[in-house]
Amino acid sequence: MSSSNEASRSVIKTMQLLEALAHLPEAGVTELSQQLGMHKSTTYRFLNSLCELKYVHRDSETERYRTTLKLFELGSAVVQRIELWREANLIMEQLAHETEETVHLAILEDDKLVYLHKIESTQALRVSMMSRIGNTAPLHCTGLGKCLLAFSPPRVRERIIEQHPLTRFTETTITSQSELRTELERIRQLGYAVDNEEHELGIRCVAAPIHAPGNAGPAALSISVPSVRLTEAELEPHATLVRAATTRIEQQLFHAD
């Protein structure tokens, strides 16, 4: 058996084990191995791995296993993303219709910008971007990315700035950590971020944060416009539109009562 096939089988067995445990208050190695038709040694090895990853807890006295709340946390994160997409969709469509420009929704996940939704401009001259739903983009040189960074918890923000390279994409890309920190402070004061052809030439972007209570992850909304159509004079009106849209999303998501 090839190493890739063996790895795939290991993943399948691990997930089967996790699913079995999720439906039981607790269980022992023998019980689980019989239920899943796996050798006890294999079951024990996979359980130890899940314990190391904090998905499973082993009671040292009874030597029985149970799932932890880490699974619940993962499920809650997925639900939050689904709810965000659903509540943002209509408002994004309205914003796209009003501006006739491309609208993006993104979240911060594993220290990366991830596109959650996108509505294309209907204009003949529109931005031709590398963005795709599910794809990632740099944080330091996109409107969405700078917004997500600016409004992230300070510890998260500093870790990302320190650990991730500030790659230059265009002449206006910020490549200095001190300059980036200054830019992020300015964004927090203004309440929105601007990408002035910092990631892709010919594209300007205005983004605003979606403020979420509790442990909900950072999110942001943006309008992306060909630079010839988004002049300096048009930045503030576009920012007002984006901020109004994010406020409506926040109200629908978190203040429905």
Protein backbone atom coordinates (compact mmCIF):
# COMPACT_ATOMS: atom_id res chain seq x y z
CA MET A 1 0.00 0.00 0.00
CA SER A 2 1.34 3.44 -0.92
CA SER A 3 2.04 5.98 1.80
CA SER A 4 -0.71 8.27 0.46
CA ASN A 5 -3.29 5.45 0.59
CA GLU A 6 -2.17 4.53 4.08
CA ALA A 7 -2.49 8.13 5.19
CA SER A 8 -5.99 8.34 3.70
CA ARG A 9 -7.07 5.19 5.51
CA SER A 10 -5.66 6.57 8.75
CA VAL A 11 -7.68 9.77 8.34
CA ILE A 12 -10.84 7.78 7.61
CA LYS A 13 -10.33 5.55 10.66
CA THR A 14 -9.60 8.53 12.89
CA MET A 15 -12.78 10.31 11.77
CA GLN A 16 -14.82 7.12 12.25
CA LEU A 17 -13.44 6.86 15.76
CA LEU A 18 -14.25 10.49 16.50
CA GLU A 19 -17.79 10.13 15.15
CA ALA A 20 -18.36 6.99 17.23
CA LEU A 21 -17.16 8.73 20.39
CA ALA A 22 -19.31 11.78 19.67
CA HIS A 23 -22.44 9.63 20.03
CA LEU A 24 -21.37 8.05 23.33
CA PRO A 25 -21.04 9.54 26.82
CA GLU A 26 -17.70 7.74 27.06
CA ALA A 27 -16.13 4.48 25.89
CA GLY A 28 -13.16 2.22 26.37
CA VAL A 29 -10.63 0.98 23.83
CA THR A 30 -12.13 -2.52 23.61
CA GLU A 31 -15.66 -1.21 23.09
CA LEU A 32 -14.57 1.17 20.34
CA SER A 33 -12.35 -1.34 18.57
CA GLN A 34 -15.21 -3.88 18.47
CA GLN A 35 -17.73 -1.31 17.26
CA LEU A 36 -15.47 -0.10 14.44
CA GLY A 37 -13.82 -3.41 13.59
CA MET A 38 -10.32 -2.07 14.30
CA HIS A 39 -7.44 -3.68 16.17
CA LYS A 40 -7.16 -2.52 19.76
CA SER A 41 -3.60 -1.29 19.17
CA THR A 42 -4.77 0.82 16.21
CA THR A 43 -7.70 2.21 18.20
CA TYR A 44 -5.42 3.03 21.13
CA ARG A 45 -2.91 4.80 18.86
CA PHE A 46 -5.57 6.93 17.19
CA LEU A 47 -7.17 7.79 20.53
CA ASN A 48 -3.81 8.98 21.85
CA SER A 49 -3.40 11.22 18.81
CA LEU A 50 -6.86 12.70 19.36
CA CYS A 51 -6.01 13.27 23.01
CA GLU A 52 -2.84 15.14 22.02
CA LEU A 53 -4.94 17.35 19.71
CA LYS A 54 -7.40 17.97 22.59
CA TYR A 55 -10.39 16.50 20.71
CA VAL A 56 -10.63 13.60 23.15
CA HIS A 57 -10.06 13.33 26.91
CA ARG A 58 -8.90 10.17 28.69
CA ASP A 59 -10.01 9.58 32.27
CA SER A 60 -6.86 8.39 34.06
CA GLU A 61 -8.87 6.42 36.64
CA THR A 62 -11.36 4.60 34.41
CA GLU A 63 -9.21 4.62 31.26
CA ARG A 64 -12.29 5.57 29.27
CA TYR A 65 -12.46 8.26 26.61
CA ARG A 66 -14.89 11.06 25.76
CA THR A 67 -14.96 13.93 23.30
CA THR A 68 -14.11 17.45 24.44
CA LEU A 69 -15.77 20.78 23.65
CA LYS A 70 -13.21 21.40 20.92
CA LEU A 71 -15.59 19.70 18.48
CA PHE A 72 -18.35 22.03 19.62
CA GLU A 73 -16.06 25.00 19.02
CA LEU A 74 -15.37 23.82 15.48
CA GLY A 75 -19.06 23.32 14.80
CA SER A 76 -19.88 26.74 16.21
CA ALA A 77 -17.30 28.35 13.92
CA VAL A 78 -18.88 26.68 10.88
CA VAL A 79 -22.36 27.79 11.95
CA GLN A 80 -21.11 31.37 12.40
CA ARG A 81 -19.72 31.37 8.87
CA ILE A 82 -22.98 30.04 7.43
CA GLU A 83 -25.00 32.65 9.32
CA LEU A 84 -22.63 35.41 8.25
CA TRP A 85 -22.89 34.38 4.59
CA ARG A 86 -26.69 34.15 4.76
CA GLU A 87 -27.21 37.50 6.48
CA ALA A 88 -24.61 39.29 4.36
CA ASN A 89 -25.78 37.98 0.99
CA LEU A 90 -28.81 40.24 0.46
CA ILE A 91 -26.99 43.30 1.78
CA MET A 92 -24.04 42.56 -0.51
CA GLU A 93 -26.40 42.27 -3.46
CA GLN A 94 -27.92 45.64 -2.56
CA LEU A 95 -24.48 47.22 -2.26
CA ALA A 96 -23.36 45.72 -5.58
CA HIS A 97 -26.54 46.99 -7.24
CA GLU A 98 -26.15 50.47 -5.76
CA THR A 99 -22.48 50.88 -6.72
CA GLU A 100 -22.33 48.55 -9.75
CA GLU A 101 -18.98 47.39 -8.41
CA THR A 102 -17.52 44.09 -7.13
CA VAL A 103 -18.29 43.30 -3.49
CA HIS A 104 -16.34 40.87 -1.30
CA LEU A 105 -16.88 39.29 2.11
CA ALA A 106 -13.87 37.82 3.92
CA ILE A 107 -12.94 36.34 7.27
CA LEU A 108 -9.70 35.80 9.17
CA GLU A 109 -8.99 32.08 9.52
CA ASP A 110 -5.70 30.49 10.59
CA ASP A 111 -3.98 33.89 10.22
CA LYS A 112 -5.16 34.12 6.60
CA LEU A 113 -7.69 36.17 4.69
CA VAL A 114 -10.29 33.77 3.28
CA TYR A 115 -12.91 34.94 0.77
CA LEU A 116 -16.35 33.83 1.97
CA HIS A 117 -18.51 35.47 -0.71
CA LYS A 118 -18.15 37.56 -3.86
CA ILE A 119 -20.58 39.43 -6.11
CA GLU A 120 -19.16 40.53 -9.45
CA SER A 121 -19.68 43.98 -10.96
CA THR A 122 -22.06 44.13 -13.92
CA GLN A 123 -20.10 46.90 -15.62
CA ALA A 124 -18.13 46.29 -18.80
CA LEU A 125 -15.04 47.77 -17.16
CA ARG A 126 -14.68 45.93 -13.90
CA VAL A 127 -11.89 44.66 -11.71
CA SER A 128 -10.19 41.47 -12.87
CA MET A 129 -9.06 40.03 -9.57
CA MET A 130 -7.52 36.78 -8.39
CA SER A 131 -10.18 36.51 -5.68
CA ARG A 132 -12.28 33.35 -5.57
CA ILE A 133 -14.57 32.07 -2.83
CA GLY A 134 -12.46 29.91 -0.54
CA ASN A 135 -9.20 31.41 -1.79
CA THR A 136 -6.81 33.39 0.36
CA ALA A 137 -5.11 36.77 -0.13
CA PRO A 138 -2.38 38.71 1.69
CA LEU A 139 -3.38 40.58 4.82
CA HIS A 140 -0.90 43.46 4.64
CA CYS A 141 -1.76 44.84 1.21
CA THR A 142 -5.49 44.31 0.63
CA GLY A 143 -8.32 46.45 1.97
CA LEU A 144 -10.02 43.44 3.49
CA GLY A 145 -6.77 42.09 4.92
CA LYS A 146 -5.73 45.36 6.54
CA CYS A 147 -9.22 45.71 7.96
CA LEU A 148 -9.13 42.21 9.44
CA LEU A 149 -5.70 42.90 10.91
CA ALA A 150 -6.58 46.32 12.28
CA PHE A 151 -9.61 45.08 14.20
CA SER A 152 -8.15 41.76 15.38
CA PRO A 153 -7.13 41.32 19.03
CA PRO A 154 -3.71 42.95 19.61
CA ARG A 155 -1.96 39.63 20.33
CA VAL A 156 -3.26 38.10 17.11
CA ARG A 157 -2.33 41.20 15.12
CA GLU A 158 1.23 41.33 16.46
CA ARG A 159 1.81 37.62 15.93
CA ILE A 160 0.77 37.91 12.29
CA ILE A 161 2.88 41.00 11.69
CA GLU A 162 5.93 39.37 13.26
CA GLN A 163 5.60 35.95 11.66
CA HIS A 164 4.37 36.67 8.13
CA PRO A 165 6.55 38.28 5.42
CA LEU A 166 5.38 41.62 4.03
CA THR A 167 5.86 40.70 0.39
CA ARG A 168 5.96 43.53 -2.14
CA PHE A 169 3.41 43.23 -4.96
CA THR A 170 3.39 46.80 -6.32
CA GLU A 171 5.16 50.10 -5.73
CA THR A 172 2.56 51.06 -3.09
CA THR A 173 2.75 47.82 -1.06
CA ILE A 174 3.63 48.39 2.59
CA THR A 175 6.70 46.28 3.39
CA SER A 176 7.75 47.79 6.72
CA GLN A 177 6.33 46.51 10.00
CA SER A 178 6.38 49.98 11.55
CA GLU A 179 4.58 51.49 8.56
CA LEU A 180 2.02 48.72 8.66
CA ARG A 181 1.36 49.31 12.37
CA THR A 182 0.87 53.03 11.64
CA GLU A 183 -1.51 52.20 8.80
CA LEU A 184 -3.53 49.83 10.99
CA GLU A 185 -3.85 52.49 13.70
CA ARG A 186 -5.13 54.94 11.07
CA ILE A 187 -7.66 52.34 9.91
CA ARG A 188 -8.95 51.85 13.46
CA GLN A 189 -9.40 55.62 13.78
CA LEU A 190 -11.17 55.99 10.42
CA GLY A 191 -13.23 52.83 10.70
CA TYR A 192 -12.33 51.63 7.21
CA ALA A 193 -9.34 50.58 5.10
CA VAL A 194 -8.20 51.49 1.60
CA ASP A 195 -6.14 49.38 -0.78
CA ASN A 196 -4.55 51.88 -3.17
CA GLU A 197 -3.27 49.45 -5.82
CA GLU A 198 -1.18 47.78 -3.12
CA HIS A 199 -1.90 44.19 -4.17
CA GLU A 200 -2.94 44.45 -7.81
CA LEU A 201 -2.29 47.31 -10.21
CA GLY A 202 -5.39 49.04 -11.50
CA ILE A 203 -7.53 48.08 -8.49
CA ARG A 204 -8.59 50.19 -5.53
CA CYS A 205 -10.61 48.80 -2.67
CA VAL A 206 -12.50 50.23 0.31
CA ALA A 207 -13.22 47.84 3.21
CA ALA A 208 -14.93 48.04 6.59
CA PRO A 209 -15.02 45.60 9.51
CA ILE A 210 -17.98 43.57 10.66
CA HIS A 211 -17.78 43.79 14.43
CA ALA A 212 -18.87 40.58 16.12
CA PRO A 213 -19.44 40.03 19.86
CA GLY A 214 -17.88 37.27 21.90
CA ASN A 215 -15.57 34.79 20.17
CA ALA A 216 -16.86 35.25 16.63
CA GLY A 217 -13.94 35.61 14.24
CA PRO A 218 -13.10 38.86 12.47
CA ALA A 219 -14.89 39.59 9.17
CA ALA A 220 -14.88 42.45 6.68
CA LEU A 221 -16.76 43.71 3.62
CA SER A 222 -15.32 45.60 0.65
CA ILE A 223 -16.02 47.30 -2.65
CA SER A 224 -13.35 46.75 -5.34
CA VAL A 225 -13.19 49.27 -8.17
CA PRO A 226 -10.96 49.92 -11.21
CA SER A 227 -8.58 52.67 -10.11
CA VAL A 228 -9.61 54.90 -13.05
CA ARG A 229 -13.15 54.97 -11.61
CA LEU A 230 -12.34 55.36 -7.92
CA THR A 231 -10.69 58.75 -7.48
CA GLU A 232 -9.58 60.26 -4.18
CA ALA A 233 -12.82 62.26 -4.10
CA GLU A 234 -14.86 59.05 -4.35
CA LEU A 235 -13.12 57.20 -1.50
CA GLU A 236 -15.13 58.73 1.35
CA PRO A 237 -18.57 58.19 -0.29
CA HIS A 238 -17.66 54.56 -1.00
CA ALA A 239 -16.43 54.13 2.57
CA THR A 240 -19.74 55.49 3.84
CA LEU A 241 -21.65 52.96 1.75
CA VAL A 242 -19.51 50.04 2.93
CA ARG A 243 -19.74 51.06 6.58
CA ALA A 244 -23.52 51.39 6.31
CA ALA A 245 -23.66 47.88 4.83
CA THR A 246 -21.55 46.36 7.61
CA THR A 247 -23.72 48.08 10.21
CA ARG A 248 -26.82 46.46 8.69
CA ILE A 249 -25.12 43.06 8.71
CA GLU A 250 -24.17 43.50 12.38
CA GLN A 251 -27.73 44.46 13.27
CA GLN A 252 -29.19 41.43 11.52
CA LEU A 253 -26.62 39.02 12.93
CA PHE A 254 -26.19 40.20 16.49
CA HIS A 255 -29.04 42.57 17.36
CA ALA A 256 -32.05 40.81 15.92
CA ASP A 257 -33.93 41.14 19.21
